[in-house]
N, C-alpha and C. Protein backbone atom coordinates (compact mmCIF):
# COMPACT_ATOMS: atom_id res chain seq x y z
N UNK A 1 -116.68 -184.53 41.08
CA UNK A 1 -115.84 -183.59 41.78
C UNK A 1 -116.68 -182.67 42.62
N UNK A 2 -116.27 -182.51 43.89
CA UNK A 2 -116.97 -181.61 44.81
C UNK A 2 -115.89 -180.79 45.57
N UNK A 3 -116.23 -179.55 45.86
CA UNK A 3 -115.35 -178.67 46.66
C UNK A 3 -116.27 -178.03 47.68
N UNK A 4 -115.81 -178.05 48.93
CA UNK A 4 -116.62 -177.39 50.05
C UNK A 4 -115.76 -176.37 50.70
N UNK A 5 -116.21 -175.11 50.67
CA UNK A 5 -115.51 -174.02 51.32
C UNK A 5 -116.39 -173.46 52.43
N UNK A 6 -115.80 -173.14 53.51
CA UNK A 6 -116.45 -172.58 54.63
C UNK A 6 -116.26 -171.06 54.65
N UNK A 7 -117.09 -170.34 55.32
CA UNK A 7 -117.06 -168.86 55.31
C UNK A 7 -115.80 -168.35 55.96
N UNK A 8 -115.09 -169.16 56.77
CA UNK A 8 -113.90 -168.65 57.38
C UNK A 8 -112.69 -168.78 56.47
N UNK A 9 -112.94 -169.16 55.22
CA UNK A 9 -111.87 -169.15 54.21
C UNK A 9 -111.11 -170.48 54.12
N UNK A 10 -111.66 -171.52 54.75
CA UNK A 10 -111.00 -172.80 54.72
C UNK A 10 -111.75 -173.77 53.81
N UNK A 11 -111.05 -174.74 53.32
CA UNK A 11 -111.65 -175.85 52.56
C UNK A 11 -111.93 -176.96 53.58
N UNK A 12 -113.04 -177.70 53.32
CA UNK A 12 -113.37 -178.78 54.18
C UNK A 12 -113.64 -180.03 53.36
N UNK A 13 -113.54 -181.20 53.95
CA UNK A 13 -113.79 -182.46 53.29
C UNK A 13 -115.29 -182.54 53.01
N UNK A 14 -115.68 -182.63 51.73
CA UNK A 14 -117.13 -182.69 51.45
C UNK A 14 -117.73 -184.05 51.82
N UNK A 15 -116.93 -185.01 52.21
CA UNK A 15 -117.45 -186.31 52.62
C UNK A 15 -117.56 -186.40 54.15
N UNK A 16 -117.17 -185.41 54.87
CA UNK A 16 -117.26 -185.37 56.31
C UNK A 16 -118.42 -184.49 56.74
N UNK A 17 -119.12 -184.87 57.81
CA UNK A 17 -120.23 -184.06 58.30
C UNK A 17 -119.74 -182.65 58.68
N UNK A 18 -120.50 -181.65 58.33
CA UNK A 18 -120.10 -180.22 58.58
C UNK A 18 -121.15 -179.47 59.35
N UNK A 19 -122.31 -180.08 59.56
CA UNK A 19 -123.45 -179.34 60.15
C UNK A 19 -123.97 -180.18 61.30
N UNK A 20 -124.38 -179.47 62.37
CA UNK A 20 -124.88 -180.17 63.54
C UNK A 20 -126.35 -180.72 63.21
N UNK A 21 -126.61 -181.84 63.83
CA UNK A 21 -127.94 -182.47 63.61
C UNK A 21 -129.08 -181.62 64.21
N UNK A 22 -128.76 -180.70 65.09
CA UNK A 22 -129.82 -179.88 65.67
C UNK A 22 -129.87 -178.46 65.03
N UNK A 23 -129.14 -178.33 63.89
CA UNK A 23 -129.22 -177.04 63.15
C UNK A 23 -130.61 -176.85 62.65
N UNK A 24 -131.15 -175.68 62.83
CA UNK A 24 -132.54 -175.37 62.40
C UNK A 24 -132.80 -175.52 60.90
N UNK A 25 -131.70 -175.39 60.12
CA UNK A 25 -131.81 -175.61 58.71
C UNK A 25 -132.18 -177.04 58.38
N UNK A 26 -131.63 -177.97 59.15
CA UNK A 26 -132.06 -179.42 59.02
C UNK A 26 -133.33 -179.72 59.68
N UNK A 27 -133.54 -179.22 60.88
CA UNK A 27 -134.71 -179.54 61.69
C UNK A 27 -135.97 -178.99 61.10
N UNK A 28 -135.92 -177.73 60.57
CA UNK A 28 -137.14 -177.05 60.11
C UNK A 28 -137.05 -176.47 58.72
N UNK A 29 -135.91 -176.66 58.08
CA UNK A 29 -135.69 -176.00 56.77
C UNK A 29 -135.58 -174.49 56.93
N UNK A 30 -135.07 -174.05 58.08
CA UNK A 30 -134.99 -172.66 58.44
C UNK A 30 -133.67 -172.06 57.90
N UNK A 31 -133.65 -171.68 56.69
CA UNK A 31 -132.44 -171.12 56.08
C UNK A 31 -132.74 -170.68 54.67
N UNK A 32 -131.69 -170.20 54.06
CA UNK A 32 -131.79 -169.71 52.65
C UNK A 32 -130.62 -170.27 51.85
N UNK A 33 -130.83 -170.34 50.52
CA UNK A 33 -129.74 -170.80 49.67
C UNK A 33 -129.90 -170.15 48.36
N UNK A 34 -128.79 -170.15 47.61
CA UNK A 34 -128.75 -169.68 46.20
C UNK A 34 -127.89 -170.66 45.45
N UNK A 35 -128.18 -170.92 44.19
CA UNK A 35 -127.41 -171.78 43.32
C UNK A 35 -126.97 -170.90 42.14
N UNK A 36 -125.62 -170.90 41.96
CA UNK A 36 -125.00 -169.99 40.98
C UNK A 36 -124.37 -170.83 39.89
N UNK A 37 -124.58 -170.50 38.65
CA UNK A 37 -123.92 -171.20 37.56
C UNK A 37 -122.52 -170.57 37.39
N UNK A 38 -121.51 -171.46 37.31
CA UNK A 38 -120.15 -171.01 37.06
C UNK A 38 -119.70 -171.57 35.71
N UNK A 39 -119.25 -170.67 34.85
CA UNK A 39 -118.83 -171.10 33.49
C UNK A 39 -117.41 -170.53 33.29
N UNK A 40 -116.49 -171.35 32.90
CA UNK A 40 -115.14 -170.99 32.62
C UNK A 40 -114.51 -170.18 33.79
N UNK A 41 -114.80 -170.59 35.04
CA UNK A 41 -114.26 -169.95 36.19
C UNK A 41 -114.88 -168.64 36.61
N UNK A 42 -116.01 -168.30 35.95
CA UNK A 42 -116.69 -167.02 36.29
C UNK A 42 -118.12 -167.30 36.81
N UNK A 43 -118.46 -166.82 37.99
CA UNK A 43 -119.84 -167.01 38.48
C UNK A 43 -120.75 -166.07 37.73
N UNK A 44 -121.86 -166.59 37.28
CA UNK A 44 -122.84 -165.79 36.56
C UNK A 44 -123.72 -165.08 37.55
N UNK A 45 -123.86 -163.76 37.35
CA UNK A 45 -124.79 -162.92 38.18
C UNK A 45 -124.56 -163.06 39.66
N UNK A 46 -123.27 -163.06 40.11
CA UNK A 46 -123.03 -163.24 41.52
C UNK A 46 -123.70 -162.17 42.37
N UNK A 47 -123.59 -160.95 41.96
CA UNK A 47 -124.15 -159.82 42.77
C UNK A 47 -125.69 -159.99 42.90
N UNK A 48 -126.45 -160.27 41.86
CA UNK A 48 -127.88 -160.45 42.04
C UNK A 48 -128.21 -161.68 42.90
N UNK A 49 -127.37 -162.75 42.80
CA UNK A 49 -127.63 -163.89 43.69
C UNK A 49 -127.38 -163.53 45.16
N UNK A 50 -126.32 -162.80 45.43
CA UNK A 50 -126.06 -162.38 46.84
C UNK A 50 -127.12 -161.40 47.30
N UNK A 51 -127.60 -160.52 46.41
CA UNK A 51 -128.70 -159.60 46.80
C UNK A 51 -129.92 -160.41 47.19
N UNK A 52 -130.26 -161.40 46.38
CA UNK A 52 -131.45 -162.21 46.68
C UNK A 52 -131.28 -163.03 47.98
N UNK A 53 -130.08 -163.52 48.22
CA UNK A 53 -129.82 -164.21 49.47
C UNK A 53 -130.05 -163.29 50.69
N UNK A 54 -129.56 -162.05 50.55
CA UNK A 54 -129.74 -161.06 51.60
C UNK A 54 -131.25 -160.77 51.80
N UNK A 55 -132.01 -160.60 50.75
CA UNK A 55 -133.46 -160.34 50.88
C UNK A 55 -134.18 -161.53 51.45
N UNK A 56 -133.85 -162.72 51.03
CA UNK A 56 -134.43 -163.93 51.57
C UNK A 56 -134.15 -164.05 53.07
N UNK A 57 -132.95 -163.82 53.45
CA UNK A 57 -132.57 -163.90 54.89
C UNK A 57 -133.39 -162.82 55.69
N UNK A 58 -133.50 -161.64 55.13
CA UNK A 58 -134.25 -160.58 55.80
C UNK A 58 -135.74 -160.95 56.02
N UNK A 59 -136.28 -161.66 55.04
CA UNK A 59 -137.70 -162.09 55.15
C UNK A 59 -137.86 -163.07 56.30
N UNK A 60 -136.77 -163.78 56.64
CA UNK A 60 -136.80 -164.74 57.73
C UNK A 60 -136.28 -164.13 59.03
N UNK A 61 -136.03 -162.84 59.02
CA UNK A 61 -135.41 -162.18 60.19
C UNK A 61 -134.09 -162.75 60.54
N UNK A 62 -133.31 -163.20 59.55
CA UNK A 62 -131.97 -163.70 59.74
C UNK A 62 -130.98 -162.61 59.30
N UNK A 63 -129.88 -162.52 60.01
CA UNK A 63 -128.81 -161.69 59.58
C UNK A 63 -127.74 -162.55 58.93
N UNK A 64 -127.58 -162.51 57.63
CA UNK A 64 -126.64 -163.44 56.98
C UNK A 64 -125.17 -162.93 57.32
N UNK A 65 -124.23 -163.84 57.13
CA UNK A 65 -122.81 -163.40 57.36
C UNK A 65 -122.50 -162.30 56.35
N UNK A 66 -121.42 -161.61 56.57
CA UNK A 66 -121.03 -160.55 55.66
C UNK A 66 -120.86 -161.08 54.25
N UNK A 67 -121.23 -160.25 53.30
CA UNK A 67 -121.16 -160.64 51.91
C UNK A 67 -119.73 -160.99 51.50
N UNK A 68 -118.77 -160.33 52.04
CA UNK A 68 -117.33 -160.62 51.70
C UNK A 68 -117.00 -162.06 52.06
N UNK A 69 -117.62 -162.65 53.10
CA UNK A 69 -117.35 -164.00 53.43
C UNK A 69 -117.88 -164.99 52.35
N UNK A 70 -119.10 -164.67 51.84
CA UNK A 70 -119.58 -165.51 50.73
C UNK A 70 -118.77 -165.34 49.51
N UNK A 71 -118.33 -164.10 49.19
CA UNK A 71 -117.51 -163.82 48.02
C UNK A 71 -116.18 -164.62 48.11
N UNK A 72 -115.60 -164.64 49.29
CA UNK A 72 -114.37 -165.38 49.53
C UNK A 72 -114.57 -166.87 49.31
N UNK A 73 -115.69 -167.36 49.81
CA UNK A 73 -115.97 -168.80 49.64
C UNK A 73 -116.18 -169.15 48.17
N UNK A 74 -116.83 -168.27 47.45
CA UNK A 74 -117.04 -168.48 46.00
C UNK A 74 -115.72 -168.52 45.26
N UNK A 75 -114.84 -167.61 45.59
CA UNK A 75 -113.48 -167.58 44.97
C UNK A 75 -112.70 -168.84 45.32
N UNK A 76 -112.85 -169.30 46.56
CA UNK A 76 -112.11 -170.46 47.04
C UNK A 76 -112.58 -171.73 46.31
N UNK A 77 -113.89 -171.88 46.16
CA UNK A 77 -114.42 -173.03 45.43
C UNK A 77 -113.99 -173.01 43.96
N UNK A 78 -114.12 -171.84 43.29
CA UNK A 78 -113.76 -171.75 41.92
C UNK A 78 -112.27 -172.00 41.73
N UNK A 79 -111.47 -171.50 42.64
CA UNK A 79 -109.99 -171.66 42.55
C UNK A 79 -109.55 -173.09 42.76
N UNK A 80 -110.41 -173.91 43.41
CA UNK A 80 -110.04 -175.28 43.69
C UNK A 80 -110.81 -176.30 42.85
N UNK A 81 -111.66 -175.78 41.94
CA UNK A 81 -112.43 -176.72 41.09
C UNK A 81 -111.55 -177.24 40.03
N UNK A 82 -111.55 -178.56 39.89
CA UNK A 82 -110.74 -179.20 38.83
C UNK A 82 -111.65 -180.03 37.89
N UNK A 83 -112.99 -179.85 37.99
CA UNK A 83 -113.90 -180.58 37.13
C UNK A 83 -114.02 -179.85 35.76
N UNK A 84 -115.20 -179.95 35.20
CA UNK A 84 -115.48 -179.40 33.92
C UNK A 84 -115.56 -177.88 33.93
N UNK A 85 -115.88 -177.31 32.74
CA UNK A 85 -115.86 -175.85 32.64
C UNK A 85 -117.17 -175.20 33.13
N UNK A 86 -118.19 -176.04 33.42
CA UNK A 86 -119.44 -175.57 33.97
C UNK A 86 -119.80 -176.34 35.21
N UNK A 87 -120.24 -175.63 36.21
CA UNK A 87 -120.78 -176.30 37.43
C UNK A 87 -121.68 -175.41 38.16
N UNK A 88 -122.51 -175.99 39.04
CA UNK A 88 -123.40 -175.25 39.89
C UNK A 88 -122.81 -175.11 41.28
N UNK A 89 -122.77 -173.90 41.79
CA UNK A 89 -122.20 -173.59 43.12
C UNK A 89 -123.39 -173.18 44.03
N UNK A 90 -123.52 -173.86 45.13
CA UNK A 90 -124.64 -173.61 46.05
C UNK A 90 -124.12 -172.92 47.31
N UNK A 91 -124.76 -171.79 47.67
CA UNK A 91 -124.49 -171.04 48.88
C UNK A 91 -125.66 -171.40 49.87
N UNK A 92 -125.32 -171.75 51.08
CA UNK A 92 -126.33 -172.12 52.07
C UNK A 92 -126.07 -171.36 53.33
N UNK A 93 -127.14 -170.83 53.92
CA UNK A 93 -127.08 -170.16 55.21
C UNK A 93 -128.31 -170.51 56.01
N UNK A 94 -128.03 -171.11 57.20
CA UNK A 94 -129.17 -171.52 58.08
C UNK A 94 -129.12 -170.61 59.32
N UNK A 95 -130.17 -170.67 60.11
CA UNK A 95 -130.26 -169.90 61.34
C UNK A 95 -129.27 -170.37 62.38
N UNK A 96 -128.84 -171.61 62.28
CA UNK A 96 -127.94 -172.18 63.28
C UNK A 96 -128.73 -173.06 64.21
N UNK A 97 -128.30 -173.17 65.41
CA UNK A 97 -129.00 -174.04 66.44
C UNK A 97 -129.89 -173.26 67.33
N UNK A 98 -131.02 -173.84 67.70
CA UNK A 98 -131.94 -173.20 68.63
C UNK A 98 -131.26 -172.94 69.94
N UNK A 99 -131.43 -171.73 70.47
CA UNK A 99 -130.83 -171.38 71.73
C UNK A 99 -129.36 -171.05 71.58
N UNK A 100 -128.79 -171.05 70.39
CA UNK A 100 -127.41 -170.71 70.19
C UNK A 100 -127.17 -169.21 70.28
N UNK A 101 -126.07 -168.79 69.78
CA UNK A 101 -125.71 -167.35 69.93
C UNK A 101 -126.33 -166.52 68.80
N UNK A 102 -127.09 -167.12 67.93
CA UNK A 102 -127.72 -166.36 66.84
C UNK A 102 -126.89 -166.26 65.59
N UNK A 103 -125.72 -166.94 65.59
CA UNK A 103 -124.85 -166.92 64.43
C UNK A 103 -125.34 -167.92 63.44
N UNK A 104 -125.68 -167.41 62.20
CA UNK A 104 -126.11 -168.40 61.15
C UNK A 104 -124.96 -169.25 60.67
C-alpha cells in the first residue's frame, strides 16, 4: 500500500512520475527529507521532524515550503492509509530545477 500526497493538498498516483528528470534533487541529491513513524494513525514526533527538516534546508540555503503544507500532506496520507497500523511516512523537499523560479 502506498499513498502519495502533494503539498497543494491533492493525492497523486504513486505509480506515475511526479518529479522532473532535471530536478536538482535527482541530479545532485540537492534536497532534504525526513522519515516519520506513524502508529495507529498518529505521527511520532512530527514537530521535531519538521524542525529538523527546516534546519537541514537552512544548511543548504533552501527555503522549504510552509510547515502547514507539510502538516496537511501528513494528514492527507494518514487519512488515506488503508494498510497496517504502522508505517513510515517520508517527507521530501528538493531545490527544484536549475534556473527555475527557486520554488522547492
